[in-house]
Every structure is written in structure tokens, then in C-alpha cells.
């Protein structure tokens, strides 16, 4: 997900029923 200055990502690792959510103003792409 993107805003003008902030990028948000939800990553699903191998473990079931778990997501890792990271937020960054350094990265602007997927």
C-alpha cells in the first residue's frame, strides 16, 4: 500500500496465520 511519502507492506512468511507488516519512508516501490 502506498501514500505519497510512506510505503506499507504485509508479508506472509511460511508460518501460518501470521503476517509481518513493515512501514518505510525510504522505499517507494514494490
ModelCIF file with pLDDT and N, C-alpha, C, O atoms, coordinates in Angstrom:
data_MODEL
#
_entry.id   MODEL 
#
_entity.id                         1 
_entity.type                       polymer 
_entity.pdbx_number_of_molecules   1 
#
_entity_poly.entity_id                      1 
_entity_poly.type                           'polypeptide(L)' 
_entity_poly.nstd_linkage                   no 
_entity_poly.nstd_monomer                   no 
_entity_poly.pdbx_seq_one_letter_code       
;(UNK)(UNK)(UNK)(UNK)(UNK)(UNK)(UNK)(UNK)(UNK)(UNK)(UNK)(UNK)(UNK)(UNK)(UNK)(UNK)
(UNK)(UNK)(UNK)(UNK)(UNK)(UNK)(UNK)(UNK)(UNK)(UNK)(UNK)(UNK)(UNK)(UNK)
;
_entity_poly.pdbx_seq_one_letter_code_can   XXXXXXXXXXXXXXXXXXXXXXXXXXXXXX 
_entity_poly.pdbx_strand_id                 A 
#
loop_
_entity_poly_seq.entity_id 
_entity_poly_seq.num 
_entity_poly_seq.mon_id 
_entity_poly_seq.hetero 
1 1  UNK n 
1 2  UNK n 
1 3  UNK n 
1 4  UNK n 
1 5  UNK n 
1 6  UNK n 
1 7  UNK n 
1 8  UNK n 
1 9  UNK n 
1 10 UNK n 
1 11 UNK n 
1 12 UNK n 
1 13 UNK n 
1 14 UNK n 
1 15 UNK n 
1 16 UNK n 
1 17 UNK n 
1 18 UNK n 
1 19 UNK n 
1 20 UNK n 
1 21 UNK n 
1 22 UNK n 
1 23 UNK n 
1 24 UNK n 
1 25 UNK n 
1 26 UNK n 
1 27 UNK n 
1 28 UNK n 
1 29 UNK n 
1 30 UNK n 
#
_struct_asym.id          A 
_struct_asym.entity_id   1 
#
loop_
_ma_qa_metric.id 
_ma_qa_metric.mode 
_ma_qa_metric.name 
_ma_qa_metric.software_group_id 
_ma_qa_metric.type 
1 global pLDDT . pLDDT 
2 local  pLDDT . pLDDT 
#
_ma_qa_metric_global.metric_id      1 
_ma_qa_metric_global.metric_value   88.93 
_ma_qa_metric_global.model_id       1 
_ma_qa_metric_global.ordinal_id     1 
#
loop_
_ma_qa_metric_local.label_asym_id 
_ma_qa_metric_local.label_comp_id 
_ma_qa_metric_local.label_seq_id 
_ma_qa_metric_local.metric_id 
_ma_qa_metric_local.metric_value 
_ma_qa_metric_local.model_id 
_ma_qa_metric_local.ordinal_id 
A UNK 1  2 91.00 1 1  
A UNK 2  2 91.00 1 2  
A UNK 3  2 90.00 1 3  
A UNK 4  2 87.00 1 4  
A UNK 5  2 89.00 1 5  
A UNK 6  2 92.00 1 6  
A UNK 7  2 93.00 1 7  
A UNK 8  2 92.00 1 8  
A UNK 9  2 93.00 1 9  
A UNK 10 2 92.00 1 10 
A UNK 11 2 92.00 1 11 
A UNK 12 2 90.00 1 12 
A UNK 13 2 88.00 1 13 
A UNK 14 2 81.00 1 14 
A UNK 15 2 75.00 1 15 
A UNK 16 2 72.00 1 16 
A UNK 17 2 78.00 1 17 
A UNK 18 2 86.00 1 18 
A UNK 19 2 89.00 1 19 
A UNK 20 2 91.00 1 20 
A UNK 21 2 92.00 1 21 
A UNK 22 2 94.00 1 22 
A UNK 23 2 94.00 1 23 
A UNK 24 2 94.00 1 24 
A UNK 25 2 93.00 1 25 
A UNK 26 2 92.00 1 26 
A UNK 27 2 91.00 1 27 
A UNK 28 2 89.00 1 28 
A UNK 29 2 88.00 1 29 
A UNK 30 2 89.00 1 30 
#
loop_
_atom_site.group_PDB 
_atom_site.id 
_atom_site.type_symbol 
_atom_site.label_atom_id 
_atom_site.label_alt_id 
_atom_site.label_comp_id 
_atom_site.label_asym_id 
_atom_site.label_entity_id 
_atom_site.label_seq_id 
_atom_site.pdbx_PDB_ins_code 
_atom_site.Cartn_x 
_atom_site.Cartn_y 
_atom_site.Cartn_z 
_atom_site.occupancy 
_atom_site.B_iso_or_equiv 
_atom_site.pdbx_formal_charge 
_atom_site.auth_seq_id 
_atom_site.auth_comp_id 
_atom_site.auth_asym_id 
_atom_site.auth_atom_id 
_atom_site.pdbx_PDB_model_num 
ATOM 1   N N  . UNK A 1 1  ? 0.862  -1.182  0.000  1.00 91.00 ? 1  UNK A N  1 
ATOM 2   C CA . UNK A 1 1  ? 0.000  0.000   0.000  1.00 91.00 ? 1  UNK A CA 1 
ATOM 3   C C  . UNK A 1 1  ? 0.897  1.231   0.000  1.00 91.00 ? 1  UNK A C  1 
ATOM 4   O O  . UNK A 1 1  ? 1.993  1.216   0.561  1.00 91.00 ? 1  UNK A O  1 
ATOM 5   N N  . UNK A 1 2  ? 0.420  2.295   -0.635 1.00 91.00 ? 2  UNK A N  1 
ATOM 6   C CA . UNK A 1 2  ? 1.278  3.462   -0.818 1.00 91.00 ? 2  UNK A CA 1 
ATOM 7   C C  . UNK A 1 2  ? 0.546  4.743   -0.460 1.00 91.00 ? 2  UNK A C  1 
ATOM 8   O O  . UNK A 1 2  ? -0.654 4.888   -0.692 1.00 91.00 ? 2  UNK A O  1 
ATOM 9   N N  . UNK A 1 3  ? 1.300  5.658   0.106  1.00 90.00 ? 3  UNK A N  1 
ATOM 10  C CA . UNK A 1 3  ? 0.930  7.064   0.181  1.00 90.00 ? 3  UNK A CA 1 
ATOM 11  C C  . UNK A 1 3  ? 2.039  7.854   -0.497 1.00 90.00 ? 3  UNK A C  1 
ATOM 12  O O  . UNK A 1 3  ? 3.000  7.287   -1.018 1.00 90.00 ? 3  UNK A O  1 
ATOM 13  N N  . UNK A 1 4  ? 1.890  9.154   -0.481 1.00 87.00 ? 4  UNK A N  1 
ATOM 14  C CA . UNK A 1 4  ? 2.864  9.955   -1.211 1.00 87.00 ? 4  UNK A CA 1 
ATOM 15  C C  . UNK A 1 4  ? 4.282  9.775   -0.663 1.00 87.00 ? 4  UNK A C  1 
ATOM 16  O O  . UNK A 1 4  ? 5.246  9.768   -1.428 1.00 87.00 ? 4  UNK A O  1 
ATOM 17  N N  . UNK A 1 5  ? 4.411  9.629   0.668  1.00 89.00 ? 5  UNK A N  1 
ATOM 18  C CA . UNK A 1 5  ? 5.727  9.533   1.276  1.00 89.00 ? 5  UNK A CA 1 
ATOM 19  C C  . UNK A 1 5  ? 5.956  8.232   2.042  1.00 89.00 ? 5  UNK A C  1 
ATOM 20  O O  . UNK A 1 5  ? 7.080  7.952   2.460  1.00 89.00 ? 5  UNK A O  1 
ATOM 21  N N  . UNK A 1 6  ? 4.923  7.448   2.226  1.00 92.00 ? 6  UNK A N  1 
ATOM 22  C CA . UNK A 1 6  ? 5.021  6.265   3.073  1.00 92.00 ? 6  UNK A CA 1 
ATOM 23  C C  . UNK A 1 6  ? 4.619  5.026   2.284  1.00 92.00 ? 6  UNK A C  1 
ATOM 24  O O  . UNK A 1 6  ? 3.660  5.045   1.512  1.00 92.00 ? 6  UNK A O  1 
ATOM 25  N N  . UNK A 1 7  ? 5.369  3.954   2.493  1.00 93.00 ? 7  UNK A N  1 
ATOM 26  C CA . UNK A 1 7  ? 5.063  2.662   1.883  1.00 93.00 ? 7  UNK A CA 1 
ATOM 27  C C  . UNK A 1 7  ? 4.800  1.645   2.977  1.00 93.00 ? 7  UNK A C  1 
ATOM 28  O O  . UNK A 1 7  ? 5.517  1.580   3.976  1.00 93.00 ? 7  UNK A O  1 
ATOM 29  N N  . UNK A 1 8  ? 3.751  0.848   2.769  1.00 92.00 ? 8  UNK A N  1 
ATOM 30  C CA . UNK A 1 8  ? 3.351  -0.171  3.733  1.00 92.00 ? 8  UNK A CA 1 
ATOM 31  C C  . UNK A 1 8  ? 3.311  -1.518  3.026  1.00 92.00 ? 8  UNK A C  1 
ATOM 32  O O  . UNK A 1 8  ? 2.798  -1.625  1.912  1.00 92.00 ? 8  UNK A O  1 
ATOM 33  N N  . UNK A 1 9  ? 3.854  -2.545  3.675  1.00 93.00 ? 9  UNK A N  1 
ATOM 34  C CA . UNK A 1 9  ? 3.867  -3.872  3.080  1.00 93.00 ? 9  UNK A CA 1 
ATOM 35  C C  . UNK A 1 9  ? 3.452  -4.893  4.123  1.00 93.00 ? 9  UNK A C  1 
ATOM 36  O O  . UNK A 1 9  ? 3.826  -4.799  5.293  1.00 93.00 ? 9  UNK A O  1 
ATOM 37  N N  . UNK A 1 10 ? 2.674  -5.869  3.679  1.00 92.00 ? 10 UNK A N  1 
ATOM 38  C CA . UNK A 1 10 ? 2.273  -7.002  4.516  1.00 92.00 ? 10 UNK A CA 1 
ATOM 39  C C  . UNK A 1 10 ? 2.834  -8.260  3.867  1.00 92.00 ? 10 UNK A C  1 
ATOM 40  O O  . UNK A 1 10 ? 2.460  -8.620  2.750  1.00 92.00 ? 10 UNK A O  1 
ATOM 41  N N  . UNK A 1 11 ? 3.727  -8.915  4.576  1.00 92.00 ? 11 UNK A N  1 
ATOM 42  C CA . UNK A 1 11 ? 4.410  -10.098 4.043  1.00 92.00 ? 11 UNK A CA 1 
ATOM 43  C C  . UNK A 1 11 ? 3.984  -11.323 4.838  1.00 92.00 ? 11 UNK A C  1 
ATOM 44  O O  . UNK A 1 11 ? 3.958  -11.302 6.069  1.00 92.00 ? 11 UNK A O  1 
ATOM 45  N N  . UNK A 1 12 ? 3.648  -12.400 4.115  1.00 90.00 ? 12 UNK A N  1 
ATOM 46  C CA . UNK A 1 12 ? 3.225  -13.643 4.746  1.00 90.00 ? 12 UNK A CA 1 
ATOM 47  C C  . UNK A 1 12 ? 4.390  -14.627 4.739  1.00 90.00 ? 12 UNK A C  1 
ATOM 48  O O  . UNK A 1 12 ? 4.726  -15.157 3.680  1.00 90.00 ? 12 UNK A O  1 
ATOM 49  N N  . UNK A 1 13 ? 5.018  -14.891 5.892  1.00 88.00 ? 13 UNK A N  1 
ATOM 50  C CA . UNK A 1 13 ? 6.098  -15.878 5.941  1.00 88.00 ? 13 UNK A CA 1 
ATOM 51  C C  . UNK A 1 13 ? 5.541  -17.297 5.883  1.00 88.00 ? 13 UNK A C  1 
ATOM 52  O O  . UNK A 1 13 ? 4.346  -17.496 5.665  1.00 88.00 ? 13 UNK A O  1 
ATOM 53  N N  . UNK A 1 14 ? 6.410  -18.268 6.077  1.00 81.00 ? 14 UNK A N  1 
ATOM 54  C CA . UNK A 1 14 ? 5.977  -19.664 5.994  1.00 81.00 ? 14 UNK A CA 1 
ATOM 55  C C  . UNK A 1 14 ? 5.046  -20.037 7.135  1.00 81.00 ? 14 UNK A C  1 
ATOM 56  O O  . UNK A 1 14 ? 4.192  -20.912 6.984  1.00 81.00 ? 14 UNK A O  1 
ATOM 57  N N  . UNK A 1 15 ? 5.206  -19.382 8.267  1.00 75.00 ? 15 UNK A N  1 
ATOM 58  C CA . UNK A 1 15 ? 4.353  -19.698 9.412  1.00 75.00 ? 15 UNK A CA 1 
ATOM 59  C C  . UNK A 1 15 ? 2.919  -19.308 9.111  1.00 75.00 ? 15 UNK A C  1 
ATOM 60  O O  . UNK A 1 15 ? 2.657  -18.204 8.633  1.00 75.00 ? 15 UNK A O  1 
ATOM 61  N N  . UNK A 1 16 ? 1.989  -20.210 9.390  1.00 72.00 ? 16 UNK A N  1 
ATOM 62  C CA . UNK A 1 16 ? 0.590  -19.980 9.073  1.00 72.00 ? 16 UNK A CA 1 
ATOM 63  C C  . UNK A 1 16 ? -0.013 -18.924 10.005 1.00 72.00 ? 16 UNK A C  1 
ATOM 64  O O  . UNK A 1 16 ? 0.419  -18.736 11.142 1.00 72.00 ? 16 UNK A O  1 
ATOM 65  N N  . UNK A 1 17 ? -1.023 -18.250 9.471  1.00 78.00 ? 17 UNK A N  1 
ATOM 66  C CA . UNK A 1 17 ? -1.794 -17.259 10.238 1.00 78.00 ? 17 UNK A CA 1 
ATOM 67  C C  . UNK A 1 17 ? -0.893 -16.191 10.862 1.00 78.00 ? 17 UNK A C  1 
ATOM 68  O O  . UNK A 1 17 ? -1.067 -15.810 12.019 1.00 78.00 ? 17 UNK A O  1 
ATOM 69  N N  . UNK A 1 18 ? 0.053  -15.727 10.085 1.00 86.00 ? 18 UNK A N  1 
ATOM 70  C CA . UNK A 1 18 ? 0.939  -14.682 10.559 1.00 86.00 ? 18 UNK A CA 1 
ATOM 71  C C  . UNK A 1 18 ? 1.329  -13.791 9.394  1.00 86.00 ? 18 UNK A C  1 
ATOM 72  O O  . UNK A 1 18 ? 1.586  -14.275 8.292  1.00 86.00 ? 18 UNK A O  1 
ATOM 73  N N  . UNK A 1 19 ? 1.372  -12.487 9.639  1.00 89.00 ? 19 UNK A N  1 
ATOM 74  C CA . UNK A 1 19 ? 1.855  -11.536 8.648  1.00 89.00 ? 19 UNK A CA 1 
ATOM 75  C C  . UNK A 1 19 ? 2.838  -10.592 9.321  1.00 89.00 ? 19 UNK A C  1 
ATOM 76  O O  . UNK A 1 19 ? 2.693  -10.248 10.494 1.00 89.00 ? 19 UNK A O  1 
ATOM 77  N N  . UNK A 1 20 ? 3.835  -10.183 8.560  1.00 91.00 ? 20 UNK A N  1 
ATOM 78  C CA . UNK A 1 20 ? 4.823  -9.210  9.021  1.00 91.00 ? 20 UNK A CA 1 
ATOM 79  C C  . UNK A 1 20 ? 4.551  -7.903  8.295  1.00 91.00 ? 20 UNK A C  1 
ATOM 80  O O  . UNK A 1 20 ? 4.566  -7.852  7.065  1.00 91.00 ? 20 UNK A O  1 
ATOM 81  N N  . UNK A 1 21 ? 4.302  -6.843  9.062  1.00 92.00 ? 21 UNK A N  1 
ATOM 82  C CA . UNK A 1 21 ? 3.927  -5.550  8.474  1.00 92.00 ? 21 UNK A CA 1 
ATOM 83  C C  . UNK A 1 21 ? 5.049  -4.561  8.732  1.00 92.00 ? 21 UNK A C  1 
ATOM 84  O O  . UNK A 1 21 ? 5.428  -4.329  9.880  1.00 92.00 ? 21 UNK A O  1 
ATOM 85  N N  . UNK A 1 22 ? 5.576  -3.983  7.675  1.00 94.00 ? 22 UNK A N  1 
ATOM 86  C CA . UNK A 1 22 ? 6.653  -3.007  7.767  1.00 94.00 ? 22 UNK A CA 1 
ATOM 87  C C  . UNK A 1 22 ? 6.210  -1.704  7.111  1.00 94.00 ? 22 UNK A C  1 
ATOM 88  O O  . UNK A 1 22 ? 5.451  -1.698  6.142  1.00 94.00 ? 22 UNK A O  1 
ATOM 89  N N  . UNK A 1 23 ? 6.706  -0.599  7.667  1.00 94.00 ? 23 UNK A N  1 
ATOM 90  C CA . UNK A 1 23 ? 6.375  0.735   7.173  1.00 94.00 ? 23 UNK A CA 1 
ATOM 91  C C  . UNK A 1 23 ? 7.681  1.477   6.918  1.00 94.00 ? 23 UNK A C  1 
ATOM 92  O O  . UNK A 1 23 ? 8.619  1.373   7.709  1.00 94.00 ? 23 UNK A O  1 
ATOM 93  N N  . UNK A 1 24 ? 7.748  2.222   5.822  1.00 94.00 ? 24 UNK A N  1 
ATOM 94  C CA . UNK A 1 24 ? 9.000  2.877   5.458  1.00 94.00 ? 24 UNK A CA 1 
ATOM 95  C C  . UNK A 1 24 ? 8.738  4.160   4.702  1.00 94.00 ? 24 UNK A C  1 
ATOM 96  O O  . UNK A 1 24 ? 7.812  4.244   3.895  1.00 94.00 ? 24 UNK A O  1 
ATOM 97  N N  . UNK A 1 25 ? 9.569  5.165   4.972  1.00 93.00 ? 25 UNK A N  1 
ATOM 98  C CA . UNK A 1 25 ? 9.596  6.383   4.156  1.00 93.00 ? 25 UNK A CA 1 
ATOM 99  C C  . UNK A 1 25 ? 10.829 6.429   3.272  1.00 93.00 ? 25 UNK A C  1 
ATOM 100 O O  . UNK A 1 25 ? 11.062 7.414   2.572  1.00 93.00 ? 25 UNK A O  1 
ATOM 101 N N  . UNK A 1 26 ? 11.626 5.354   3.304  1.00 92.00 ? 26 UNK A N  1 
ATOM 102 C CA . UNK A 1 26 ? 12.805 5.256   2.449  1.00 92.00 ? 26 UNK A CA 1 
ATOM 103 C C  . UNK A 1 26 ? 12.489 4.550   1.144  1.00 92.00 ? 26 UNK A C  1 
ATOM 104 O O  . UNK A 1 26 ? 13.073 4.884   0.112  1.00 92.00 ? 26 UNK A O  1 
ATOM 105 N N  . UNK A 1 27 ? 11.579 3.581   1.160  1.00 91.00 ? 27 UNK A N  1 
ATOM 106 C CA . UNK A 1 27 ? 11.240 2.789   -0.022 1.00 91.00 ? 27 UNK A CA 1 
ATOM 107 C C  . UNK A 1 27 ? 9.936  3.315   -0.625 1.00 91.00 ? 27 UNK A C  1 
ATOM 108 O O  . UNK A 1 27 ? 9.007  3.684   0.094  1.00 91.00 ? 27 UNK A O  1 
ATOM 109 N N  . UNK A 1 28 ? 9.888  3.342   -1.965 1.00 89.00 ? 28 UNK A N  1 
ATOM 110 C CA . UNK A 1 28 ? 8.730  3.908   -2.666 1.00 89.00 ? 28 UNK A CA 1 
ATOM 111 C C  . UNK A 1 28 ? 8.243  3.003   -3.796 1.00 89.00 ? 28 UNK A C  1 
ATOM 112 O O  . UNK A 1 28 ? 7.612  3.479   -4.739 1.00 89.00 ? 28 UNK A O  1 
ATOM 113 N N  . UNK A 1 29 ? 8.526  1.723   -3.709 1.00 88.00 ? 29 UNK A N  1 
ATOM 114 C CA . UNK A 1 29 ? 8.106  0.805   -4.762 1.00 88.00 ? 29 UNK A CA 1 
ATOM 115 C C  . UNK A 1 29 ? 7.773  -0.543  -4.130 1.00 88.00 ? 29 UNK A C  1 
ATOM 116 O O  . UNK A 1 29 ? 7.844  -0.712  -2.912 1.00 88.00 ? 29 UNK A O  1 
ATOM 117 N N  . UNK A 1 30 ? 7.408  -1.500  -4.986 1.00 89.00 ? 30 UNK A N  1 
ATOM 118 C CA . UNK A 1 30 ? 7.012  -2.832  -4.507 1.00 89.00 ? 30 UNK A CA 1 
ATOM 119 C C  . UNK A 1 30 ? 8.034  -3.896  -4.912 1.00 89.00 ? 30 UNK A C  1 
ATOM 120 O O  . UNK A 1 30 ? 7.861  -5.072  -4.593 1.00 89.00 ? 30 UNK A O  1 
#
